[in-house]
Amino acid sequence: MLERFMDKTTFESQEDFMENFRVNVPENFNFAYDIVDEWAKVAPDKKALCWTNDRGGAYRFYVC
């Protein structure tokens, strides 16, 4: 999935990373559609998203 948002995903060195790391965010980027839905296609048996807060609350979203 990284290839959808990055031109380069492997780096030869820290210097290479610092010079060439770029994330390409499309103008109409939507986290739920572009990331969560894509992971659901790739790994449908996994949790889709986990939400937590600083008071110990948690909610897990599963692929339906």
C-alpha atoms as a PDB file:
ATOM      1  CA  MET A   1       0.000   0.000   0.000  1.00  0.00           C
ATOM      2  CA  LEU A   2       2.910   2.344   0.622  1.00  0.00           C
ATOM      3  CA  GLU A   3       3.591   2.507  -3.094  1.00  0.00           C
ATOM      4  CA  ARG A   4       0.259   4.289  -3.558  1.00  0.00           C
ATOM      5  CA  PHE A   5       1.471   7.234  -1.482  1.00  0.00           C
ATOM      6  CA  MET A   6       5.267   7.175  -1.787  1.00  0.00           C
ATOM      7  CA  ASP A   7       7.570   7.342  -4.808  1.00  0.00           C
ATOM      8  CA  LYS A   8      10.339   5.554  -2.912  1.00  0.00           C
ATOM      9  CA  THR A   9       9.816   2.989  -0.131  1.00  0.00           C
ATOM     10  CA  THR A  10      13.330   1.690   0.519  1.00  0.00           C
ATOM     11  CA  PHE A  11      16.378   3.751   1.380  1.00  0.00           C
ATOM     12  CA  GLU A  12      20.105   3.074   1.282  1.00  0.00           C
ATOM     13  CA  SER A  13      20.996   5.204   4.294  1.00  0.00           C
ATOM     14  CA  GLN A  14      19.711   7.753   6.775  1.00  0.00           C
ATOM     15  CA  GLU A  15      20.943  10.464   4.426  1.00  0.00           C
ATOM     16  CA  ASP A  16      19.039   8.906   1.529  1.00  0.00           C
ATOM     17  CA  PHE A  17      15.928   8.784   3.701  1.00  0.00           C
ATOM     18  CA  MET A  18      16.271  12.404   4.819  1.00  0.00           C
ATOM     19  CA  GLU A  19      16.737  13.603   1.243  1.00  0.00           C
ATOM     20  CA  ASN A  20      14.118  11.456  -0.473  1.00  0.00           C
ATOM     21  CA  PHE A  21      11.316  10.629   1.972  1.00  0.00           C
ATOM     22  CA  ARG A  22       8.089  12.080   0.603  1.00  0.00           C
ATOM     23  CA  VAL A  23       4.465  11.207   1.217  1.00  0.00           C
ATOM     24  CA  ASN A  24       2.163  12.030  -1.695  1.00  0.00           C
ATOM     25  CA  VAL A  25      -1.238  12.907  -0.262  1.00  0.00           C
ATOM     26  CA  PRO A  26      -3.943  13.170  -2.928  1.00  0.00           C
ATOM     27  CA  GLU A  27      -6.154  16.246  -2.810  1.00  0.00           C
ATOM     28  CA  ASN A  28      -9.235  14.112  -2.111  1.00  0.00           C
ATOM     29  CA  PHE A  29      -7.508  11.831   0.449  1.00  0.00           C
ATOM     30  CA  ASN A  30      -9.892  10.126   2.853  1.00  0.00           C
ATOM     31  CA  PHE A  31      -8.290   8.005   5.602  1.00  0.00           C
ATOM     32  CA  ALA A  32     -11.286   5.701   5.996  1.00  0.00           C
ATOM     33  CA  TYR A  33     -11.570   4.965   2.286  1.00  0.00           C
ATOM     34  CA  ASP A  34      -7.926   5.088   1.210  1.00  0.00           C
ATOM     35  CA  ILE A  35      -6.372   3.286   4.196  1.00  0.00           C
ATOM     36  CA  VAL A  36      -8.948   1.386   6.283  1.00  0.00           C
ATOM     37  CA  ASP A  37     -10.932   0.075   3.317  1.00  0.00           C
ATOM     38  CA  GLU A  38      -7.753  -0.926   1.498  1.00  0.00           C
ATOM     39  CA  TRP A  39      -6.486  -2.870   4.533  1.00  0.00           C
ATOM     40  CA  ALA A  40      -9.893  -4.560   4.718  1.00  0.00           C
ATOM     41  CA  LYS A  41      -9.368  -5.828   1.163  1.00  0.00           C
ATOM     42  CA  VAL A  42      -5.815  -6.974   1.880  1.00  0.00           C
ATOM     43  CA  ALA A  43      -6.436  -8.606   5.282  1.00  0.00           C
ATOM     44  CA  PRO A  44     -10.179  -9.093   5.879  1.00  0.00           C
ATOM     45  CA  ASP A  45      -9.632 -11.209   9.015  1.00  0.00           C
ATOM     46  CA  LYS A  46      -7.786  -8.409  10.867  1.00  0.00           C
ATOM     47  CA  LYS A  47      -9.072  -5.478  12.912  1.00  0.00           C
ATOM     48  CA  ALA A  48      -9.786  -2.489  10.721  1.00  0.00           C
ATOM     49  CA  LEU A  49      -9.065   0.283  13.227  1.00  0.00           C
ATOM     50  CA  CYS A  50      -8.468   0.612  16.959  1.00  0.00           C
ATOM     51  CA  TRP A  51      -9.391   3.796  18.829  1.00  0.00           C
ATOM     52  CA  THR A  52      -8.216   4.604  22.366  1.00  0.00           C
ATOM     53  CA  ASN A  53      -8.222   7.580  24.695  1.00  0.00           C
ATOM     54  CA  ASP A  54      -6.110   8.685  27.642  1.00  0.00           C
ATOM     55  CA  ARG A  55      -8.698   7.440  30.161  1.00  0.00           C
ATOM     56  CA  GLY A  56      -8.441   3.806  29.112  1.00  0.00           C
ATOM     57  CA  GLY A  57     -11.376   3.793  26.733  1.00  0.00           C
ATOM     58  CA  ALA A  58     -11.045   1.670  23.627  1.00  0.00           C
ATOM     59  CA  TYR A  59     -13.121   0.734  20.622  1.00  0.00           C
ATOM     60  CA  ARG A  60     -12.153  -1.714  17.886  1.00  0.00           C
ATOM     61  CA  PHE A  61     -13.632  -1.531  14.417  1.00  0.00           C
ATOM     62  CA  TYR A  62     -13.793  -4.811  12.508  1.00  0.00           C
ATOM     63  CA  VAL A  63     -14.281  -5.377   8.826  1.00  0.00           C
ATOM     64  CA  CYS A  64     -17.869  -6.341   8.071  1.00  0.00           C
END
